[in-house]
Amino acid sequence: MRGAIAKKSTVEGEWRPVFKDREGAWSLLLNKDPESKARTLAVKYAKGWEVQESRHDGTVEVLVLEGQFQVGPIVYGPGDYFCVPGGVTHGPERALTDARILVVSHGPLTPGP
């Protein structure tokens, strides 16, 4: 990917709110490709964070690093991986505990629907 960052600290990095109008989810940009709009993010959620559904233009891959994260009826924990193809509506998404995930998007990461 162009714009690759050789080293980025998830401890000392600049975490930003995912949504400006609500708390409970923060992201840290690790890498991005300005041409394809693909990006790699570390995301952390506070217990109880929830969104009813979302849809993204590109395929999104997720690896759960810490905590329990639920998408639809499936609960994911540390080491669990899931992939959502682009254009597929999914959810609800819930942080059952404080959680941290790694997100790789293959295209624009647009919240939706």
C-alpha atoms as a PDB file:
ATOM      1  CA  MET A   1       0.000   0.000   0.000  1.00  0.00           C
ATOM      2  CA  ARG A   2       1.183   3.494  -0.659  1.00  0.00           C
ATOM      3  CA  GLY A   3       1.520   5.688   2.361  1.00  0.00           C
ATOM      4  CA  ALA A   4       2.600   2.746   4.507  1.00  0.00           C
ATOM      5  CA  ILE A   5       3.744   3.641   7.982  1.00  0.00           C
ATOM      6  CA  ALA A   6       6.792   1.707   9.132  1.00  0.00           C
ATOM      7  CA  LYS A   7       5.877   1.890  12.821  1.00  0.00           C
ATOM      8  CA  LYS A   8       2.777   3.098  14.622  1.00  0.00           C
ATOM      9  CA  SER A   9       2.140   2.718  18.343  1.00  0.00           C
ATOM     10  CA  THR A  10      -1.348   1.735  19.471  1.00  0.00           C
ATOM     11  CA  VAL A  11      -0.288   2.769  22.981  1.00  0.00           C
ATOM     12  CA  GLU A  12       0.951   6.274  22.174  1.00  0.00           C
ATOM     13  CA  GLY A  13      -0.965   6.877  18.922  1.00  0.00           C
ATOM     14  CA  GLU A  14      -3.606   9.529  18.318  1.00  0.00           C
ATOM     15  CA  TRP A  15      -6.963   7.776  18.855  1.00  0.00           C
ATOM     16  CA  ARG A  16      -9.933   9.630  17.351  1.00  0.00           C
ATOM     17  CA  PRO A  17     -13.664   9.183  17.924  1.00  0.00           C
ATOM     18  CA  VAL A  18     -15.298   7.030  15.244  1.00  0.00           C
ATOM     19  CA  PHE A  19     -18.436   9.175  15.408  1.00  0.00           C
ATOM     20  CA  LYS A  20     -18.331  12.872  16.279  1.00  0.00           C
ATOM     21  CA  ASP A  21     -21.773  12.793  17.871  1.00  0.00           C
ATOM     22  CA  ARG A  22     -21.380   9.765  20.162  1.00  0.00           C
ATOM     23  CA  GLU A  23     -18.794   8.299  22.472  1.00  0.00           C
ATOM     24  CA  GLY A  24     -17.665   4.733  22.984  1.00  0.00           C
ATOM     25  CA  ALA A  25     -15.685   3.970  19.811  1.00  0.00           C
ATOM     26  CA  TRP A  26     -12.231   5.240  18.839  1.00  0.00           C
ATOM     27  CA  SER A  27      -9.955   4.456  15.908  1.00  0.00           C
ATOM     28  CA  LEU A  28      -6.262   4.776  15.150  1.00  0.00           C
ATOM     29  CA  LEU A  29      -5.239   4.905  11.498  1.00  0.00           C
ATOM     30  CA  LEU A  30      -2.368   2.503  10.864  1.00  0.00           C
ATOM     31  CA  ASN A  31      -2.166   2.622   7.066  1.00  0.00           C
ATOM     32  CA  LYS A  32      -4.064   4.012   4.090  1.00  0.00           C
ATOM     33  CA  ASP A  33      -3.957   3.955   0.313  1.00  0.00           C
ATOM     34  CA  PRO A  34      -5.115   7.282  -1.119  1.00  0.00           C
ATOM     35  CA  GLU A  35      -5.898   5.737  -4.511  1.00  0.00           C
ATOM     36  CA  SER A  36      -8.148   2.850  -3.445  1.00  0.00           C
ATOM     37  CA  LYS A  37      -9.176   4.421  -0.106  1.00  0.00           C
ATOM     38  CA  ALA A  38      -8.256   1.116   1.573  1.00  0.00           C
ATOM     39  CA  ARG A  39      -7.122   1.431   5.165  1.00  0.00           C
ATOM     40  CA  THR A  40      -5.974  -0.497   8.198  1.00  0.00           C
ATOM     41  CA  LEU A  41      -7.253   0.643  11.584  1.00  0.00           C
ATOM     42  CA  ALA A  42      -7.033  -0.324  15.215  1.00  0.00           C
ATOM     43  CA  VAL A  43     -10.449   0.253  16.809  1.00  0.00           C
ATOM     44  CA  LYS A  44     -11.409   0.158  20.470  1.00  0.00           C
ATOM     45  CA  TYR A  45     -14.914   0.060  21.906  1.00  0.00           C
ATOM     46  CA  ALA A  46     -16.262   0.689  25.382  1.00  0.00           C
ATOM     47  CA  LYS A  47     -18.542  -1.974  26.807  1.00  0.00           C
ATOM     48  CA  GLY A  48     -22.111  -1.336  25.685  1.00  0.00           C
ATOM     49  CA  TRP A  49     -21.245   0.465  22.431  1.00  0.00           C
ATOM     50  CA  GLU A  50     -23.766  -0.497  19.741  1.00  0.00           C
ATOM     51  CA  VAL A  51     -24.827   0.309  16.194  1.00  0.00           C
ATOM     52  CA  GLN A  52     -27.897  -1.310  14.661  1.00  0.00           C
ATOM     53  CA  GLU A  53     -26.490  -1.977  11.206  1.00  0.00           C
ATOM     54  CA  SER A  54     -23.767  -0.882   8.842  1.00  0.00           C
ATOM     55  CA  ARG A  55     -22.671  -1.363   5.268  1.00  0.00           C
ATOM     56  CA  HIS A  56     -19.355  -0.502   3.627  1.00  0.00           C
ATOM     57  CA  ASP A  57     -18.403  -0.062  -0.026  1.00  0.00           C
ATOM     58  CA  GLY A  58     -15.398  -2.394   0.169  1.00  0.00           C
ATOM     59  CA  THR A  59     -14.808  -5.759   1.808  1.00  0.00           C
ATOM     60  CA  VAL A  60     -13.894  -5.432   5.492  1.00  0.00           C
ATOM     61  CA  GLU A  61     -11.787  -7.944   7.428  1.00  0.00           C
ATOM     62  CA  VAL A  62     -11.746  -7.923  11.237  1.00  0.00           C
ATOM     63  CA  LEU A  63      -9.519  -9.635  13.790  1.00  0.00           C
ATOM     64  CA  VAL A  64     -10.612  -9.377  17.439  1.00  0.00           C
ATOM     65  CA  LEU A  65      -7.618  -8.600  19.632  1.00  0.00           C
ATOM     66  CA  GLU A  66      -9.265  -8.182  23.048  1.00  0.00           C
ATOM     67  CA  GLY A  67     -12.732  -8.507  24.539  1.00  0.00           C
ATOM     68  CA  GLN A  68     -16.049  -9.788  23.203  1.00  0.00           C
ATOM     69  CA  PHE A  69     -17.606  -8.270  20.080  1.00  0.00           C
ATOM     70  CA  GLN A  70     -20.963  -9.361  18.650  1.00  0.00           C
ATOM     71  CA  VAL A  71     -22.125  -8.993  15.048  1.00  0.00           C
ATOM     72  CA  GLY A  72     -25.659 -10.241  14.490  1.00  0.00           C
ATOM     73  CA  PRO A  73     -26.067 -13.484  16.475  1.00  0.00           C
ATOM     74  CA  ILE A  74     -22.335 -14.348  16.478  1.00  0.00           C
ATOM     75  CA  VAL A  75     -20.018 -13.448  19.368  1.00  0.00           C
ATOM     76  CA  TYR A  76     -16.331 -13.054  18.536  1.00  0.00           C
ATOM     77  CA  GLY A  77     -13.476 -13.121  21.034  1.00  0.00           C
ATOM     78  CA  PRO A  78      -9.706 -12.726  21.012  1.00  0.00           C
ATOM     79  CA  GLY A  79      -8.176 -14.394  17.965  1.00  0.00           C
ATOM     80  CA  ASP A  80     -11.481 -14.640  16.060  1.00  0.00           C
ATOM     81  CA  TYR A  81     -11.612 -13.356  12.489  1.00  0.00           C
ATOM     82  CA  PHE A  82     -14.531 -12.422  10.283  1.00  0.00           C
ATOM     83  CA  CYS A  83     -14.973 -10.890   6.851  1.00  0.00           C
ATOM     84  CA  VAL A  84     -17.882  -8.863   5.461  1.00  0.00           C
ATOM     85  CA  PRO A  85     -18.050  -8.500   1.658  1.00  0.00           C
ATOM     86  CA  GLY A  86     -18.532  -4.991   0.291  1.00  0.00           C
ATOM     87  CA  GLY A  87     -22.146  -3.848   0.047  1.00  0.00           C
ATOM     88  CA  VAL A  88     -23.458  -6.368   2.603  1.00  0.00           C
ATOM     89  CA  THR A  89     -25.562  -4.875   5.410  1.00  0.00           C
ATOM     90  CA  HIS A  90     -24.613  -6.428   8.742  1.00  0.00           C
ATOM     91  CA  GLY A  91     -25.410  -5.927  12.393  1.00  0.00           C
ATOM     92  CA  PRO A  92     -26.319  -5.133  14.979  1.00  0.00           C
ATOM     93  CA  GLU A  93     -22.767  -4.686  16.259  1.00  0.00           C
ATOM     94  CA  ARG A  94     -22.198  -4.636  20.032  1.00  0.00           C
ATOM     95  CA  ALA A  95     -19.247  -4.469  22.388  1.00  0.00           C
ATOM     96  CA  LEU A  96     -20.162  -6.975  25.094  1.00  0.00           C
ATOM     97  CA  THR A  97     -17.014  -5.949  26.976  1.00  0.00           C
ATOM     98  CA  ASP A  98     -14.358  -3.339  26.334  1.00  0.00           C
ATOM     99  CA  ALA A  99     -12.936  -4.555  23.030  1.00  0.00           C
ATOM    100  CA  ARG A 100     -10.115  -3.894  20.569  1.00  0.00           C
ATOM    101  CA  ILE A 101     -10.163  -5.020  16.954  1.00  0.00           C
ATOM    102  CA  LEU A 102      -7.963  -4.732  13.884  1.00  0.00           C
ATOM    103  CA  VAL A 103      -9.854  -3.660  10.748  1.00  0.00           C
ATOM    104  CA  VAL A 104      -8.588  -3.993   7.175  1.00  0.00           C
ATOM    105  CA  SER A 105     -10.858  -2.373   4.591  1.00  0.00           C
ATOM    106  CA  HIS A 106     -10.417  -3.040   0.883  1.00  0.00           C
ATOM    107  CA  GLY A 107     -11.927   0.201  -0.281  1.00  0.00           C
ATOM    108  CA  PRO A 108     -13.708   3.140   1.300  1.00  0.00           C
ATOM    109  CA  LEU A 109     -14.757   2.544   4.908  1.00  0.00           C
ATOM    110  CA  THR A 110     -18.055   4.385   4.803  1.00  0.00           C
ATOM    111  CA  PRO A 111     -20.482   3.972   7.664  1.00  0.00           C
ATOM    112  CA  GLY A 112     -23.925   3.100   6.510  1.00  0.00           C
ATOM    113  CA  PRO A 113     -26.476   2.065   5.458  1.00  0.00           C
END
